[in-house]
PDB file of N, CA and C in Angstrom:
ATOM      1  N   MET A   1     -16.381  -1.974 -11.952  1.00  0.00           N
ATOM      2  CA  MET A   1     -17.751  -1.750 -11.553  1.00  0.00           C
ATOM      3  C   MET A   1     -18.474  -3.073 -11.374  1.00  0.00           C
ATOM      4  N   ASP A   2     -18.196  -4.025 -12.265  1.00  0.00           N
ATOM      5  CA  ASP A   2     -18.836  -5.324 -12.215  1.00  0.00           C
ATOM      6  C   ASP A   2     -18.397  -6.100 -10.965  1.00  0.00           C
ATOM      7  N   GLU A   3     -17.133  -5.955 -10.594  1.00  0.00           N
ATOM      8  CA  GLU A   3     -16.610  -6.630  -9.404  1.00  0.00           C
ATOM      9  C   GLU A   3     -17.248  -6.078  -8.141  1.00  0.00           C
ATOM     10  N   ALA A   4     -17.521  -4.801  -8.101  1.00  0.00           N
ATOM     11  CA  ALA A   4     -18.150  -4.177  -6.931  1.00  0.00           C
ATOM     12  C   ALA A   4     -19.563  -4.704  -6.743  1.00  0.00           C
ATOM     13  N   LYS A   5     -20.300  -4.848  -7.847  1.00  0.00           N
ATOM     14  CA  LYS A   5     -21.662  -5.387  -7.758  1.00  0.00           C
ATOM     15  C   LYS A   5     -21.635  -6.847  -7.323  1.00  0.00           C
ATOM     16  N   THR A   6     -20.678  -7.615  -7.811  1.00  0.00           N
ATOM     17  CA  THR A   6     -20.565  -9.020  -7.431  1.00  0.00           C
ATOM     18  C   THR A   6     -20.260  -9.145  -5.943  1.00  0.00           C
ATOM     19  N   ALA A   7     -19.350  -8.314  -5.456  1.00  0.00           N
ATOM     20  CA  ALA A   7     -19.009  -8.343  -4.030  1.00  0.00           C
ATOM     21  C   ALA A   7     -20.211  -7.924  -3.191  1.00  0.00           C
ATOM     22  N   GLU A   8     -20.954  -6.937  -3.663  1.00  0.00           N
ATOM     23  CA  GLU A   8     -22.143  -6.473  -2.940  1.00  0.00           C
ATOM     24  C   GLU A   8     -23.217  -7.559  -2.921  1.00  0.00           C
ATOM     25  N   LEU A   9     -23.409  -8.245  -4.048  1.00  0.00           N
ATOM     26  CA  LEU A   9     -24.385  -9.336  -4.100  1.00  0.00           C
ATOM     27  C   LEU A   9     -23.961 -10.498  -3.195  1.00  0.00           C
ATOM     28  N   ARG A  10     -22.678 -10.773  -3.158  1.00  0.00           N
ATOM     29  CA  ARG A  10     -22.176 -11.840  -2.289  1.00  0.00           C
ATOM     30  C   ARG A  10     -22.433 -11.485  -0.816  1.00  0.00           C
ATOM     31  N   THR A  11     -22.161 -10.249  -0.459  1.00  0.00           N
ATOM     32  CA  THR A  11     -22.402  -9.792   0.918  1.00  0.00           C
ATOM     33  C   THR A  11     -23.882  -9.859   1.256  1.00  0.00           C
ATOM     34  N   LEU A  12     -24.710  -9.429   0.326  1.00  0.00           N
ATOM     35  CA  LEU A  12     -26.151  -9.467   0.530  1.00  0.00           C
ATOM     36  C   LEU A  12     -26.644 -10.910   0.667  1.00  0.00           C
ATOM     37  N   SER A  13     -26.103 -11.801  -0.147  1.00  0.00           N
ATOM     38  CA  SER A  13     -26.477 -13.208  -0.078  1.00  0.00           C
ATOM     39  C   SER A  13     -26.087 -13.818   1.272  1.00  0.00           C
ATOM     40  N   GLU A  14     -24.916 -13.478   1.764  1.00  0.00           N
ATOM     41  CA  GLU A  14     -24.471 -13.975   3.063  1.00  0.00           C
ATOM     42  C   GLU A  14     -25.371 -13.464   4.185  1.00  0.00           C
ATOM     43  N   ARG A  15     -25.777 -12.219   4.100  1.00  0.00           N
ATOM     44  CA  ARG A  15     -26.653 -11.640   5.136  1.00  0.00           C
ATOM     45  C   ARG A  15     -28.030 -12.286   5.113  1.00  0.00           C
ATOM     46  N   VAL A  16     -28.536 -12.564   3.910  1.00  0.00           N
ATOM     47  CA  VAL A  16     -29.842 -13.239   3.800  1.00  0.00           C
ATOM     48  C   VAL A  16     -29.736 -14.647   4.375  1.00  0.00           C
ATOM     49  N   GLN A  17     -28.639 -15.326   4.091  1.00  0.00           N
ATOM     50  CA  GLN A  17     -28.420 -16.666   4.633  1.00  0.00           C
ATOM     51  C   GLN A  17     -28.349 -16.629   6.161  1.00  0.00           C
ATOM     52  N   GLN A  18     -27.651 -15.641   6.686  1.00  0.00           N
ATOM     53  CA  GLN A  18     -27.532 -15.485   8.133  1.00  0.00           C
ATOM     54  C   GLN A  18     -28.901 -15.177   8.757  1.00  0.00           C
ATOM     55  N   LEU A  19     -29.691 -14.384   8.083  1.00  0.00           N
ATOM     56  CA  LEU A  19     -31.034 -14.068   8.560  1.00  0.00           C
ATOM     57  C   LEU A  19     -31.913 -15.318   8.580  1.00  0.00           C
ATOM     58  N   ALA A  20     -31.796 -16.153   7.556  1.00  0.00           N
ATOM     59  CA  ALA A  20     -32.569 -17.395   7.507  1.00  0.00           C
ATOM     60  C   ALA A  20     -32.172 -18.331   8.642  1.00  0.00           C
ATOM     61  N   VAL A  21     -30.887 -18.417   8.931  1.00  0.00           N
ATOM     62  CA  VAL A  21     -30.418 -19.266  10.030  1.00  0.00           C
ATOM     63  C   VAL A  21     -30.941 -18.733  11.367  1.00  0.00           C
ATOM     64  N   ASN A  22     -30.897 -17.424  11.543  1.00  0.00           N
ATOM     65  CA  ASN A  22     -31.393 -16.829  12.788  1.00  0.00           C
ATOM     66  C   ASN A  22     -32.895 -17.045  12.960  1.00  0.00           C
ATOM     67  N   MET A  23     -33.648 -16.980  11.873  1.00  0.00           N
ATOM     68  CA  MET A  23     -35.090 -17.219  11.953  1.00  0.00           C
ATOM     69  C   MET A  23     -35.372 -18.672  12.308  1.00  0.00           C
ATOM     70  N   GLU A  24     -34.565 -19.592  11.812  1.00  0.00           N
ATOM     71  CA  GLU A  24     -34.716 -20.997  12.178  1.00  0.00           C
ATOM     72  C   GLU A  24     -34.416 -21.204  13.658  1.00  0.00           C
ATOM     73  N   LYS A  25     -33.404 -20.519  14.167  1.00  0.00           N
ATOM     74  CA  LYS A  25     -33.062 -20.633  15.574  1.00  0.00           C
ATOM     75  C   LYS A  25     -34.187 -20.095  16.452  1.00  0.00           C
ATOM     76  N   MET A  26     -34.878 -19.082  15.985  1.00  0.00           N
ATOM     77  CA  MET A  26     -35.980 -18.486  16.752  1.00  0.00           C
ATOM     78  C   MET A  26     -37.241 -19.344  16.701  1.00  0.00           C
ATOM     79  N   ARG A  27     -37.271 -20.306  15.814  1.00  0.00           N
ATOM     80  CA  ARG A  27     -38.440 -21.164  15.603  1.00  0.00           C
ATOM     81  C   ARG A  27     -39.662 -20.303  15.279  1.00  0.00           C
ATOM     82  N   LEU A  28     -39.445 -19.344  14.412  1.00  0.00           N
ATOM     83  CA  LEU A  28     -40.481 -18.397  14.043  1.00  0.00           C
ATOM     84  C   LEU A  28     -41.646 -19.086  13.339  1.00  0.00           C
ATOM     85  N   ALA A  29     -41.371 -20.077  12.526  1.00  0.00           N
ATOM     86  CA  ALA A  29     -42.439 -20.772  11.800  1.00  0.00           C
ATOM     87  C   ALA A  29     -43.378 -21.485  12.777  1.00  0.00           C
ATOM     88  N   GLU A  30     -42.812 -22.111  13.808  1.00  0.00           N
ATOM     89  CA  GLU A  30     -43.651 -22.789  14.800  1.00  0.00           C
ATOM     90  C   GLU A  30     -44.507 -21.792  15.565  1.00  0.00           C
ATOM     91  N   TYR A  31     -43.929 -20.642  15.891  1.00  0.00           N
ATOM     92  CA  TYR A  31     -44.676 -19.604  16.615  1.00  0.00           C
ATOM     93  C   TYR A  31     -45.833 -19.079  15.775  1.00  0.00           C
ATOM     94  N   VAL A  32     -45.595 -18.852  14.506  1.00  0.00           N
ATOM     95  CA  VAL A  32     -46.654 -18.360  13.616  1.00  0.00           C
ATOM     96  C   VAL A  32     -47.746 -19.413  13.464  1.00  0.00           C
ATOM     97  N   SER A  33     -47.372 -20.680  13.336  1.00  0.00           N
ATOM     98  CA  SER A  33     -48.389 -21.735  13.220  1.00  0.00           C
ATOM     99  C   SER A  33     -49.193 -21.860  14.512  1.00  0.00           C
ATOM    100  N   LEU A  34     -48.562 -21.612  15.638  1.00  0.00           N
ATOM    101  CA  LEU A  34     -49.275 -21.637  16.916  1.00  0.00           C
ATOM    102  C   LEU A  34     -50.275 -20.491  17.001  1.00  0.00           C
ATOM    103  N   LEU A  35     -49.893 -19.336  16.521  1.00  0.00           N
ATOM    104  CA  LEU A  35     -50.804 -18.187  16.534  1.00  0.00           C
ATOM    105  C   LEU A  35     -51.968 -18.370  15.568  1.00  0.00           C
ATOM    106  N   GLU A  36     -51.762 -19.160  14.532  1.00  0.00           N
ATOM    107  CA  GLU A  36     -52.826 -19.389  13.551  1.00  0.00           C
ATOM    108  C   GLU A  36     -53.861 -20.392  14.029  1.00  0.00           C
ATOM    109  N   SER A  37     -53.559 -21.167  15.079  1.00  0.00           N
ATOM    110  CA  SER A  37     -54.536 -22.120  15.620  1.00  0.00           C
ATOM    111  C   SER A  37     -54.847 -21.737  17.069  1.00  0.00           C
ATOM    112  N   PRO A  38     -55.883 -20.923  17.265  1.00  0.00           N
ATOM    113  CA  PRO A  38     -56.173 -20.418  18.612  1.00  0.00           C
ATOM    114  C   PRO A  38     -56.592 -21.510  19.596  1.00  0.00           C
ATOM    115  N   TRP A  39     -57.208 -22.602  19.126  1.00  0.00           N
ATOM    116  CA  TRP A  39     -57.606 -23.672  20.039  1.00  0.00           C
ATOM    117  C   TRP A  39     -56.395 -24.377  20.620  1.00  0.00           C
ATOM    118  N   ARG A  40     -55.385 -24.583  19.808  1.00  0.00           N
ATOM    119  CA  ARG A  40     -54.153 -25.212  20.306  1.00  0.00           C
ATOM    120  C   ARG A  40     -53.451 -24.281  21.291  1.00  0.00           C
ATOM    121  N   LEU A  41     -53.438 -22.984  20.987  1.00  0.00           N
ATOM    122  CA  LEU A  41     -52.831 -22.009  21.889  1.00  0.00           C
ATOM    123  C   LEU A  41     -53.575 -21.984  23.221  1.00  0.00           C
ATOM    124  N   LEU A  42     -54.908 -22.034  23.179  1.00  0.00           N
ATOM    125  CA  LEU A  42     -55.712 -22.060  24.393  1.00  0.00           C
ATOM    126  C   LEU A  42     -55.429 -23.328  25.200  1.00  0.00           C
ATOM    127  N   TYR A  43     -55.349 -24.463  24.514  1.00  0.00           N
ATOM    128  CA  TYR A  43     -55.066 -25.737  25.179  1.00  0.00           C
ATOM    129  C   TYR A  43     -53.696 -25.703  25.859  1.00  0.00           C
ATOM    130  N   LEU A  44     -52.682 -25.224  25.166  1.00  0.00           N
ATOM    131  CA  LEU A  44     -51.343 -25.172  25.744  1.00  0.00           C
ATOM    132  C   LEU A  44     -51.290 -24.219  26.937  1.00  0.00           C
ATOM    133  N   ASN A  45     -51.970 -23.084  26.840  1.00  0.00           N
ATOM    134  CA  ASN A  45     -51.992 -22.151  27.960  1.00  0.00           C
ATOM    135  C   ASN A  45     -52.741 -22.734  29.157  1.00  0.00           C
ATOM    136  N   LEU A  46     -53.820 -23.466  28.903  1.00  0.00           N
ATOM    137  CA  LEU A  46     -54.560 -24.118  29.978  1.00  0.00           C
ATOM    138  C   LEU A  46     -53.686 -25.160  30.666  1.00  0.00           C
ATOM    139  N   LEU A  47     -53.000 -25.973  29.878  1.00  0.00           N
ATOM    140  CA  LEU A  47     -52.115 -26.988  30.428  1.00  0.00           C
ATOM    141  C   LEU A  47     -50.997 -26.353  31.252  1.00  0.00           C
ATOM    142  N   THR A  48     -50.443 -25.275  30.756  1.00  0.00           N
ATOM    143  CA  THR A  48     -49.389 -24.576  31.481  1.00  0.00           C
ATOM    144  C   THR A  48     -49.911 -24.022  32.804  1.00  0.00           C
ATOM    145  N   GLY A  49     -51.101 -23.447  32.782  1.00  0.00           N
ATOM    146  CA  GLY A  49     -51.685 -22.902  34.003  1.00  0.00           C
ATOM    147  C   GLY A  49     -51.972 -23.968  35.042  1.00  0.00           C
ATOM    148  N   VAL A  50     -52.480 -25.110  34.597  1.00  0.00           N
ATOM    149  CA  VAL A  50     -52.761 -26.212  35.529  1.00  0.00           C
ATOM    150  C   VAL A  50     -51.458 -26.722  36.144  1.00  0.00           C
ATOM    151  N   ALA A  51     -50.429 -26.890  35.330  1.00  0.00           N
ATOM    152  CA  ALA A  51     -49.139 -27.371  35.838  1.00  0.00           C
ATOM    153  C   ALA A  51     -48.544 -26.374  36.828  1.00  0.00           C
ATOM    154  N   ARG A  52     -48.639 -25.099  36.516  1.00  0.00           N
ATOM    155  CA  ARG A  52     -48.107 -24.074  37.417  1.00  0.00           C
ATOM    156  C   ARG A  52     -48.878 -24.070  38.740  1.00  0.00           C
ATOM    157  N   GLY A  53     -50.208 -24.196  38.658  1.00  0.00           N
ATOM    158  CA  GLY A  53     -51.034 -24.223  39.868  1.00  0.00           C
ATOM    159  C   GLY A  53     -50.728 -25.432  40.742  1.00  0.00           C
ATOM    160  N   LEU A  54     -50.572 -26.593  40.122  1.00  0.00           N
ATOM    161  CA  LEU A  54     -50.224 -27.791  40.889  1.00  0.00           C
ATOM    162  C   LEU A  54     -48.846 -27.658  41.535  1.00  0.00           C
ATOM    163  N   GLY A  55     -47.928 -27.085  40.814  1.00  0.00           N
ATOM    164  CA  GLY A  55     -46.583 -26.891  41.370  1.00  0.00           C
ATOM    165  C   GLY A  55     -46.599 -25.955  42.568  1.00  0.00           C
ATOM    166  N   ILE A  56     -47.383 -24.895  42.479  1.00  0.00           N
ATOM    167  CA  ILE A  56     -47.485 -23.965  43.608  1.00  0.00           C
ATOM    168  C   ILE A  56     -48.138 -24.654  44.799  1.00  0.00           C
ATOM    169  N   ALA A  57     -49.204 -25.423  44.551  1.00  0.00           N
ATOM    170  CA  ALA A  57     -49.903 -26.104  45.639  1.00  0.00           C
ATOM    171  C   ALA A  57     -49.003 -27.124  46.335  1.00  0.00           C
ATOM    172  N   VAL A  58     -48.301 -27.927  45.554  1.00  0.00           N
ATOM    173  CA  VAL A  58     -47.417 -28.935  46.142  1.00  0.00           C
ATOM    174  C   VAL A  58     -46.269 -28.270  46.891  1.00  0.00           C
ATOM    175  N   GLY A  59     -45.687 -27.249  46.308  1.00  0.00           N
ATOM    176  CA  GLY A  59     -44.589 -26.540  46.964  1.00  0.00           C
ATOM    177  C   GLY A  59     -45.020 -25.892  48.263  1.00  0.00           C
ATOM    178  N   PHE A  60     -46.193 -25.251  48.261  1.00  0.00           N
ATOM    179  CA  PHE A  60     -46.685 -24.613  49.477  1.00  0.00           C
ATOM    180  C   PHE A  60     -46.983 -25.650  50.555  1.00  0.00           C
ATOM    181  N   THR A  61     -47.526 -26.789  50.150  1.00  0.00           N
ATOM    182  CA  THR A  61     -47.821 -27.849  51.111  1.00  0.00           C
ATOM    183  C   THR A  61     -46.546 -28.372  51.753  1.00  0.00           C
ATOM    184  N   LEU A  62     -45.525 -28.618  50.934  1.00  0.00           N
ATOM    185  CA  LEU A  62     -44.260 -29.119  51.483  1.00  0.00           C
ATOM    186  C   LEU A  62     -43.602 -28.100  52.408  1.00  0.00           C
ATOM    187  N   LEU A  63     -43.593 -26.834  52.002  1.00  0.00           N
ATOM    188  CA  LEU A  63     -42.989 -25.815  52.857  1.00  0.00           C
ATOM    189  C   LEU A  63     -43.782 -25.635  54.143  1.00  0.00           C
ATOM    190  N   GLY A  64     -45.103 -25.710  54.062  1.00  0.00           N
ATOM    191  CA  GLY A  64     -45.925 -25.612  55.262  1.00  0.00           C
ATOM    192  C   GLY A  64     -45.669 -26.765  56.209  1.00  0.00           C
ATOM    193  N   ALA A  65     -45.544 -27.975  55.673  1.00  0.00           N
ATOM    194  CA  ALA A  65     -45.264 -29.141  56.514  1.00  0.00           C
ATOM    195  C   ALA A  65     -43.897 -29.010  57.180  1.00  0.00           C
ATOM    196  N   LEU A  66     -42.910 -28.540  56.443  1.00  0.00           N
ATOM    197  CA  LEU A  66     -41.582 -28.348  57.035  1.00  0.00           C
ATOM    198  C   LEU A  66     -41.618 -27.294  58.137  1.00  0.00           C
ATOM    199  N   LEU A  67     -42.372 -26.230  57.920  1.00  0.00           N
ATOM    200  CA  LEU A  67     -42.494 -25.187  58.927  1.00  0.00           C
ATOM    201  C   LEU A  67     -43.164 -25.725  60.188  1.00  0.00           C
ATOM    202  N   LEU A  68     -44.210 -26.519  60.024  1.00  0.00           N
ATOM    203  CA  LEU A  68     -44.871 -27.110  61.195  1.00  0.00           C
ATOM    204  C   LEU A  68     -43.937 -28.047  61.946  1.00  0.00           C
ATOM    205  N   MET A  69     -43.145 -28.815  61.224  1.00  0.00           N
ATOM    206  CA  MET A  69     -42.192 -29.710  61.882  1.00  0.00           C
ATOM    207  C   MET A  69     -41.162 -28.904  62.675  1.00  0.00           C
ATOM    208  N   LEU A  70     -40.706 -27.805  62.091  1.00  0.00           N
ATOM    209  CA  LEU A  70     -39.753 -26.938  62.775  1.00  0.00           C
ATOM    210  C   LEU A  70     -40.377 -26.327  64.027  1.00  0.00           C
ATOM    211  N   LEU A  71     -41.617 -25.888  63.915  1.00  0.00           N
ATOM    212  CA  LEU A  71     -42.294 -25.302  65.071  1.00  0.00           C
ATOM    213  C   LEU A  71     -42.484 -26.331  66.184  1.00  0.00           C
ATOM    214  N   ARG A  72     -42.847 -27.552  65.824  1.00  0.00           N
ATOM    215  CA  ARG A  72     -42.995 -28.605  66.837  1.00  0.00           C
ATOM    216  C   ARG A  72     -41.657 -28.890  67.536  1.00  0.00           C
ATOM    217  N   HIS A  73     -40.596 -28.867  66.760  1.00  0.00           N
ATOM    218  CA  HIS A  73     -39.272 -29.088  67.339  1.00  0.00           C
ATOM    219  C   HIS A  73     -38.921 -27.962  68.308  1.00  0.00           C
ATOM    220  N   LEU A  74     -39.258 -26.734  67.959  1.00  0.00           N
ATOM    221  CA  LEU A  74     -38.990 -25.610  68.852  1.00  0.00           C
ATOM    222  C   LEU A  74     -39.805 -25.713  70.140  1.00  0.00           C
ATOM    223  N   VAL A  75     -41.017 -26.245  70.036  1.00  0.00           N
ATOM    224  CA  VAL A  75     -41.833 -26.444  71.239  1.00  0.00           C
ATOM    225  C   VAL A  75     -41.176 -27.473  72.143  1.00  0.00           C
ATOM    226  N   LEU A  76     -40.625 -28.534  71.559  1.00  0.00           N
ATOM    227  CA  LEU A  76     -39.969 -29.569  72.353  1.00  0.00           C
ATOM    228  C   LEU A  76     -38.725 -29.043  73.071  1.00  0.00           C
ATOM    229  N   LEU A  77     -38.098 -28.020  72.507  1.00  0.00           N
ATOM    230  CA  LEU A  77     -36.933 -27.423  73.173  1.00  0.00           C
ATOM    231  C   LEU A  77     -37.335 -26.645  74.419  1.00  0.00           C
ATOM    232  N   ASN A  78     -38.625 -26.339  74.526  1.00  0.00           N
ATOM    233  CA  ASN A  78     -39.191 -25.668  75.689  1.00  0.00           C
ATOM    234  C   ASN A  78     -38.511 -24.331  75.981  1.00  0.00           C
ATOM    235  N   LEU A  79     -38.395 -23.506  74.951  1.00  0.00           N
ATOM    236  CA  LEU A  79     -37.852 -22.164  75.121  1.00  0.00           C
ATOM    237  C   LEU A  79     -38.911 -21.293  75.785  1.00  0.00           C
ATOM    238  N   PRO A  80     -38.528 -20.518  76.795  1.00  0.00           N
ATOM    239  CA  PRO A  80     -39.534 -19.718  77.507  1.00  0.00           C
ATOM    240  C   PRO A  80     -40.151 -18.651  76.592  1.00  0.00           C
ATOM    241  N   GLY A  81     -41.453 -18.519  76.662  1.00  0.00           N
ATOM    242  CA  GLY A  81     -42.160 -17.497  75.894  1.00  0.00           C
ATOM    243  C   GLY A  81     -42.454 -17.940  74.482  1.00  0.00           C
ATOM    244  N   ILE A  82     -41.434 -18.339  73.762  1.00  0.00           N
ATOM    245  CA  ILE A  82     -41.598 -18.718  72.357  1.00  0.00           C
ATOM    246  C   ILE A  82     -42.365 -20.027  72.235  1.00  0.00           C
ATOM    247  N   SER A  83     -42.037 -20.995  73.079  1.00  0.00           N
ATOM    248  CA  SER A  83     -42.662 -22.308  72.950  1.00  0.00           C
ATOM    249  C   SER A  83     -44.161 -22.250  73.236  1.00  0.00           C
ATOM    250  N   GLU A  84     -44.594 -21.386  74.164  1.00  0.00           N
ATOM    251  CA  GLU A  84     -46.032 -21.249  74.443  1.00  0.00           C
ATOM    252  C   GLU A  84     -46.766 -20.713  73.212  1.00  0.00           C
ATOM    253  N   PHE A  85     -46.179 -19.701  72.621  1.00  0.00           N
ATOM    254  CA  PHE A  85     -46.794 -19.110  71.423  1.00  0.00           C
ATOM    255  C   PHE A  85     -46.832 -20.121  70.281  1.00  0.00           C
ATOM    256  N   ILE A  86     -45.744 -20.826  70.075  1.00  0.00           N
ATOM    257  CA  ILE A  86     -45.674 -21.798  68.986  1.00  0.00           C
ATOM    258  C   ILE A  86     -46.644 -22.945  69.242  1.00  0.00           C
ATOM    259  N   ALA A  87     -46.752 -23.380  70.491  1.00  0.00           N
ATOM    260  CA  ALA A  87     -47.696 -24.448  70.824  1.00  0.00           C
ATOM    261  C   ALA A  87     -49.117 -24.012  70.507  1.00  0.00           C
ATOM    262  N   TYR A  88     -49.422 -22.768  70.783  1.00  0.00           N
ATOM    263  CA  TYR A  88     -50.756 -22.244  70.484  1.00  0.00           C
ATOM    264  C   TYR A  88     -51.008 -22.234  68.976  1.00  0.00           C
ATOM    265  N   VAL A  89     -50.030 -21.790  68.214  1.00  0.00           N
ATOM    266  CA  VAL A  89     -50.165 -21.750  66.756  1.00  0.00           C
ATOM    267  C   VAL A  89     -50.319 -23.159  66.189  1.00  0.00           C
ATOM    268  N   VAL A  90     -49.530 -24.094  66.680  1.00  0.00           N
ATOM    269  CA  VAL A  90     -49.607 -25.474  66.197  1.00  0.00           C
ATOM    270  C   VAL A  90     -50.966 -26.076  66.532  1.00  0.00           C
ATOM    271  N   GLN A  91     -51.482 -25.788  67.714  1.00  0.00           N
ATOM    272  CA  GLN A  91     -52.809 -26.287  68.083  1.00  0.00           C
ATOM    273  C   GLN A  91     -53.886 -25.721  67.164  1.00  0.00           C
ATOM    274  N   LEU A  92     -53.782 -24.436  66.848  1.00  0.00           N
ATOM    275  CA  LEU A  92     -54.756 -23.837  65.916  1.00  0.00           C
ATOM    276  C   LEU A  92     -54.701 -24.489  64.546  1.00  0.00           C
ATOM    277  N   VAL A  93     -53.509 -24.735  64.071  1.00  0.00           N
ATOM    278  CA  VAL A  93     -53.361 -25.364  62.750  1.00  0.00           C
ATOM    279  C   VAL A  93     -53.900 -26.780  62.774  1.00  0.00           C
ATOM    280  N   GLN A  94     -53.614 -27.519  63.837  1.00  0.00           N
ATOM    281  CA  GLN A  94     -54.120 -28.894  63.930  1.00  0.00           C
ATOM    282  C   GLN A  94     -55.640 -28.933  64.016  1.00  0.00           C
ATOM    283  N   LEU A  95     -56.242 -27.965  64.703  1.00  0.00           N
ATOM    284  CA  LEU A  95     -57.703 -27.894  64.765  1.00  0.00           C
ATOM    285  C   LEU A  95     -58.295 -27.621  63.393  1.00  0.00           C
ATOM    286  N   LYS A  96     -57.656 -26.772  62.607  1.00  0.00           N
ATOM    287  CA  LYS A  96     -58.151 -26.446  61.266  1.00  0.00           C
ATOM    288  C   LYS A  96     -57.959 -27.609  60.295  1.00  0.00           C
ATOM    289  N   MET A  97     -56.951 -28.442  60.537  1.00  0.00           N
ATOM    290  CA  MET A  97     -56.677 -29.565  59.634  1.00  0.00           C
ATOM    291  C   MET A  97     -57.671 -30.698  59.829  1.00  0.00           C
ATOM    292  N   THR A  98     -58.248 -30.828  61.009  1.00  0.00           N
ATOM    293  CA  THR A  98     -59.195 -31.945  61.258  1.00  0.00           C
ATOM    294  C   THR A  98     -60.610 -31.555  61.016  1.00  0.00           C
TER     295      THR A  98
END
C-alpha cells in the first residue's frame, strides 16, 4: 500500500513539474503582468497599430507604383483598344498625383 502511494506521489510530482515547464513556455507570467498594467498594454497596442498602418501604406504605395509602371509599359506596346484605355487611366492618375 505504501509503495502505491509513493508511485502515485511520484507521478503527481512529475505532472506538476511538467505543468510548470509548460506554463513557462507559454510565458504566462509575462502575460498576466501585461494585463495588470493597462497603460503598457495600451502603449503596445498603439505601437502595433501604427506599425501595421505604416506597413500597409508602404506596401500599397509600392504595389501601386509597380502597377502604374506595368500599365505604362503596356501603353508603349501599343495594343489596340487596351492601350487607349490604359493611357486614359494613367492620365487620370497623373492628374490626381499633381
